[in-house]
Amino acid sequence: MGFYPNFHMGIVAILFISLFALDTFQPNLSIWQQIRAFFIHLIPSFILLALLLIAWKWENIGSILFLLIGLGFMPFIFLKNYKMNHSVWKSIGIIAMITLPPVVDILFIISYFQNKKIHINK
């Protein structure tokens, strides 16, 4: 596989989001409860992985999907964190860390237009 910065950035974003699933391992739960909770917390990562594969194949559709996911979850993440820490700036910082799909989206949009321009010039 060649160097695809948008695909690699997507993998990094998914791995980062997947790290939050590690908080399910607690000593007061059985191993099966921990494994079940771990896979439930990985559902967003699996969805993002499916979107990444779609975006890799069809960059224009993938860029729209990533943009909708990224922008769609921002209000929910902001409100949840604002209720916990009562700080607008901390909540915005958390949004900046967690909602990496718009960054991936920008790379897919750039790649789509570059590939479109290459095909037109041929």
C-alpha atoms as a PDB file:
ATOM      1  CA  MET A   1       0.000   0.000   0.000  1.00  0.00           C
ATOM      2  CA  GLY A   2       1.347   3.390  -0.949  1.00  0.00           C
ATOM      3  CA  PHE A   3       1.379   6.473   1.195  1.00  0.00           C
ATOM      4  CA  TYR A   4      -2.185   7.664   1.695  1.00  0.00           C
ATOM      5  CA  PRO A   5      -2.115  10.370   4.386  1.00  0.00           C
ATOM      6  CA  ASN A   6      -5.890  10.481   4.637  1.00  0.00           C
ATOM      7  CA  PHE A   7      -6.138   6.722   5.236  1.00  0.00           C
ATOM      8  CA  HIS A   8      -3.298   6.757   7.754  1.00  0.00           C
ATOM      9  CA  MET A   9      -4.775   9.743   9.584  1.00  0.00           C
ATOM     10  CA  GLY A  10      -8.081   7.876   9.728  1.00  0.00           C
ATOM     11  CA  ILE A  11      -6.387   4.850  11.289  1.00  0.00           C
ATOM     12  CA  VAL A  12      -4.669   7.087  13.859  1.00  0.00           C
ATOM     13  CA  ALA A  13      -7.993   8.772  14.701  1.00  0.00           C
ATOM     14  CA  ILE A  14      -9.721   5.399  15.124  1.00  0.00           C
ATOM     15  CA  LEU A  15      -6.918   4.069  17.321  1.00  0.00           C
ATOM     16  CA  PHE A  16      -7.073   7.203  19.464  1.00  0.00           C
ATOM     17  CA  ILE A  17     -10.832   6.896  19.934  1.00  0.00           C
ATOM     18  CA  SER A  18     -10.414   3.178  20.662  1.00  0.00           C
ATOM     19  CA  LEU A  19      -8.161   3.985  23.619  1.00  0.00           C
ATOM     20  CA  PHE A  20     -11.205   5.234  25.509  1.00  0.00           C
ATOM     21  CA  ALA A  21     -12.590   1.690  25.510  1.00  0.00           C
ATOM     22  CA  LEU A  22      -9.793   0.612  27.843  1.00  0.00           C
ATOM     23  CA  ASP A  23     -11.551   2.199  30.818  1.00  0.00           C
ATOM     24  CA  THR A  24     -13.975  -0.737  30.854  1.00  0.00           C
ATOM     25  CA  PHE A  25     -11.447  -3.002  32.557  1.00  0.00           C
ATOM     26  CA  GLN A  26     -12.269  -2.818  36.251  1.00  0.00           C
ATOM     27  CA  PRO A  27     -11.390  -5.291  39.005  1.00  0.00           C
ATOM     28  CA  ASN A  28     -14.964  -5.527  40.343  1.00  0.00           C
ATOM     29  CA  LEU A  29     -16.309  -7.015  37.059  1.00  0.00           C
ATOM     30  CA  SER A  30     -15.929 -10.557  35.782  1.00  0.00           C
ATOM     31  CA  ILE A  31     -13.719 -11.147  32.769  1.00  0.00           C
ATOM     32  CA  TRP A  32     -16.781 -11.716  30.540  1.00  0.00           C
ATOM     33  CA  GLN A  33     -18.414  -8.492  31.719  1.00  0.00           C
ATOM     34  CA  GLN A  34     -15.187  -6.640  30.987  1.00  0.00           C
ATOM     35  CA  ILE A  35     -14.840  -8.151  27.507  1.00  0.00           C
ATOM     36  CA  ARG A  36     -18.499  -7.419  26.722  1.00  0.00           C
ATOM     37  CA  ALA A  37     -18.170  -3.811  27.889  1.00  0.00           C
ATOM     38  CA  PHE A  38     -14.925  -3.450  25.938  1.00  0.00           C
ATOM     39  CA  PHE A  39     -16.533  -4.518  22.661  1.00  0.00           C
ATOM     40  CA  ILE A  40     -19.573  -2.320  23.301  1.00  0.00           C
ATOM     41  CA  HIS A  41     -17.250   0.654  23.778  1.00  0.00           C
ATOM     42  CA  LEU A  42     -15.479  -0.246  20.519  1.00  0.00           C
ATOM     43  CA  ILE A  43     -18.685   0.052  18.446  1.00  0.00           C
ATOM     44  CA  PRO A  44     -17.909   3.682  17.452  1.00  0.00           C
ATOM     45  CA  SER A  45     -14.451   2.557  16.326  1.00  0.00           C
ATOM     46  CA  PHE A  46     -15.960  -0.199  14.176  1.00  0.00           C
ATOM     47  CA  ILE A  47     -18.369   2.303  12.619  1.00  0.00           C
ATOM     48  CA  LEU A  48     -15.514   4.710  11.909  1.00  0.00           C
ATOM     49  CA  LEU A  49     -13.481   1.875  10.398  1.00  0.00           C
ATOM     50  CA  ALA A  50     -16.365   1.025   8.057  1.00  0.00           C
ATOM     51  CA  LEU A  51     -16.645   4.705   7.099  1.00  0.00           C
ATOM     52  CA  LEU A  52     -12.909   4.846   6.515  1.00  0.00           C
ATOM     53  CA  LEU A  53     -13.068   1.900   4.130  1.00  0.00           C
ATOM     54  CA  ILE A  54     -15.958   3.552   2.265  1.00  0.00           C
ATOM     55  CA  ALA A  55     -14.036   6.831   2.145  1.00  0.00           C
ATOM     56  CA  TRP A  56     -10.938   5.096   0.852  1.00  0.00           C
ATOM     57  CA  LYS A  57     -12.905   3.563  -2.013  1.00  0.00           C
ATOM     58  CA  TRP A  58     -15.191   6.546  -2.768  1.00  0.00           C
ATOM     59  CA  GLU A  59     -13.516   9.713  -1.470  1.00  0.00           C
ATOM     60  CA  ASN A  60     -16.390  12.071  -2.248  1.00  0.00           C
ATOM     61  CA  ILE A  61     -18.983   9.941  -0.413  1.00  0.00           C
ATOM     62  CA  GLY A  62     -16.561   9.204   2.401  1.00  0.00           C
ATOM     63  CA  SER A  63     -15.761  12.870   2.912  1.00  0.00           C
ATOM     64  CA  ILE A  64     -19.457  13.675   3.294  1.00  0.00           C
ATOM     65  CA  LEU A  65     -19.940  10.809   5.762  1.00  0.00           C
ATOM     66  CA  PHE A  66     -16.931  11.822   7.878  1.00  0.00           C
ATOM     67  CA  LEU A  67     -18.085  15.427   7.904  1.00  0.00           C
ATOM     68  CA  LEU A  68     -21.580  14.425   9.047  1.00  0.00           C
ATOM     69  CA  ILE A  69     -20.200  12.148  11.771  1.00  0.00           C
ATOM     70  CA  GLY A  70     -17.739  14.747  13.011  1.00  0.00           C
ATOM     71  CA  LEU A  71     -20.140  17.664  13.019  1.00  0.00           C
ATOM     72  CA  GLY A  72     -23.070  15.571  14.223  1.00  0.00           C
ATOM     73  CA  PHE A  73     -21.359  14.396  17.386  1.00  0.00           C
ATOM     74  CA  MET A  74     -19.847  17.735  18.383  1.00  0.00           C
ATOM     75  CA  PRO A  75     -22.938  19.082  20.196  1.00  0.00           C
ATOM     76  CA  PHE A  76     -23.477  15.822  22.096  1.00  0.00           C
ATOM     77  CA  ILE A  77     -19.849  15.608  23.188  1.00  0.00           C
ATOM     78  CA  PHE A  78     -19.823  19.273  24.178  1.00  0.00           C
ATOM     79  CA  LEU A  79     -22.996  19.009  26.275  1.00  0.00           C
ATOM     80  CA  LYS A  80     -21.888  15.809  28.011  1.00  0.00           C
ATOM     81  CA  ASN A  81     -18.516  17.281  28.946  1.00  0.00           C
ATOM     82  CA  TYR A  82     -19.950  20.652  29.907  1.00  0.00           C
ATOM     83  CA  LYS A  83     -22.294  18.925  32.375  1.00  0.00           C
ATOM     84  CA  MET A  84     -19.296  17.169  33.942  1.00  0.00           C
ATOM     85  CA  ASN A  85     -16.746  19.990  34.146  1.00  0.00           C
ATOM     86  CA  HIS A  86     -18.859  23.198  33.781  1.00  0.00           C
ATOM     87  CA  SER A  87     -16.162  24.771  31.627  1.00  0.00           C
ATOM     88  CA  VAL A  88     -16.744  25.903  28.068  1.00  0.00           C
ATOM     89  CA  TRP A  89     -13.022  25.937  27.246  1.00  0.00           C
ATOM     90  CA  LYS A  90     -12.337  22.446  28.615  1.00  0.00           C
ATOM     91  CA  SER A  91     -15.330  21.126  26.692  1.00  0.00           C
ATOM     92  CA  ILE A  92     -14.096  22.758  23.474  1.00  0.00           C
ATOM     93  CA  GLY A  93     -10.649  21.250  24.088  1.00  0.00           C
ATOM     94  CA  ILE A  94     -12.172  17.811  24.503  1.00  0.00           C
ATOM     95  CA  ILE A  95     -14.126  18.276  21.276  1.00  0.00           C
ATOM     96  CA  ALA A  96     -10.889  19.232  19.518  1.00  0.00           C
ATOM     97  CA  MET A  97      -9.237  16.028  20.743  1.00  0.00           C
ATOM     98  CA  ILE A  98     -12.076  13.586  20.214  1.00  0.00           C
ATOM     99  CA  THR A  99     -13.699  14.706  16.985  1.00  0.00           C
ATOM    100  CA  LEU A 100     -10.841  13.942  14.626  1.00  0.00           C
ATOM    101  CA  PRO A 101     -13.108  12.767  11.760  1.00  0.00           C
ATOM    102  CA  PRO A 102     -13.413  16.323  10.357  1.00  0.00           C
ATOM    103  CA  VAL A 103      -9.614  16.402  10.050  1.00  0.00           C
ATOM    104  CA  VAL A 104      -9.738  13.117   8.156  1.00  0.00           C
ATOM    105  CA  ASP A 105     -12.585  14.550   6.097  1.00  0.00           C
ATOM    106  CA  ILE A 106     -10.477  17.483   4.984  1.00  0.00           C
ATOM    107  CA  LEU A 107      -7.773  15.096   3.778  1.00  0.00           C
ATOM    108  CA  PHE A 108     -10.310  13.037   1.812  1.00  0.00           C
ATOM    109  CA  ILE A 109     -11.747  16.175   0.197  1.00  0.00           C
ATOM    110  CA  ILE A 110      -8.255  17.335  -0.822  1.00  0.00           C
ATOM    111  CA  SER A 111      -7.446  13.883  -2.171  1.00  0.00           C
ATOM    112  CA  TYR A 112     -10.727  13.722  -4.111  1.00  0.00           C
ATOM    113  CA  PHE A 113     -10.123  17.044  -5.846  1.00  0.00           C
ATOM    114  CA  GLN A 114      -6.466  16.202  -6.569  1.00  0.00           C
ATOM    115  CA  ASN A 115      -7.439  12.869  -8.130  1.00  0.00           C
ATOM    116  CA  LYS A 116     -10.234  14.541 -10.083  1.00  0.00           C
ATOM    117  CA  LYS A 117      -7.775  17.139 -11.393  1.00  0.00           C
ATOM    118  CA  ILE A 118      -5.287  14.415 -12.400  1.00  0.00           C
ATOM    119  CA  HIS A 119      -7.978  12.516 -14.325  1.00  0.00           C
ATOM    120  CA  ILE A 120      -9.109  15.682 -16.109  1.00  0.00           C
ATOM    121  CA  ASN A 121      -5.555  16.533 -17.175  1.00  0.00           C
ATOM    122  CA  LYS A 122      -4.905  13.099 -18.668  1.00  0.00           C
END
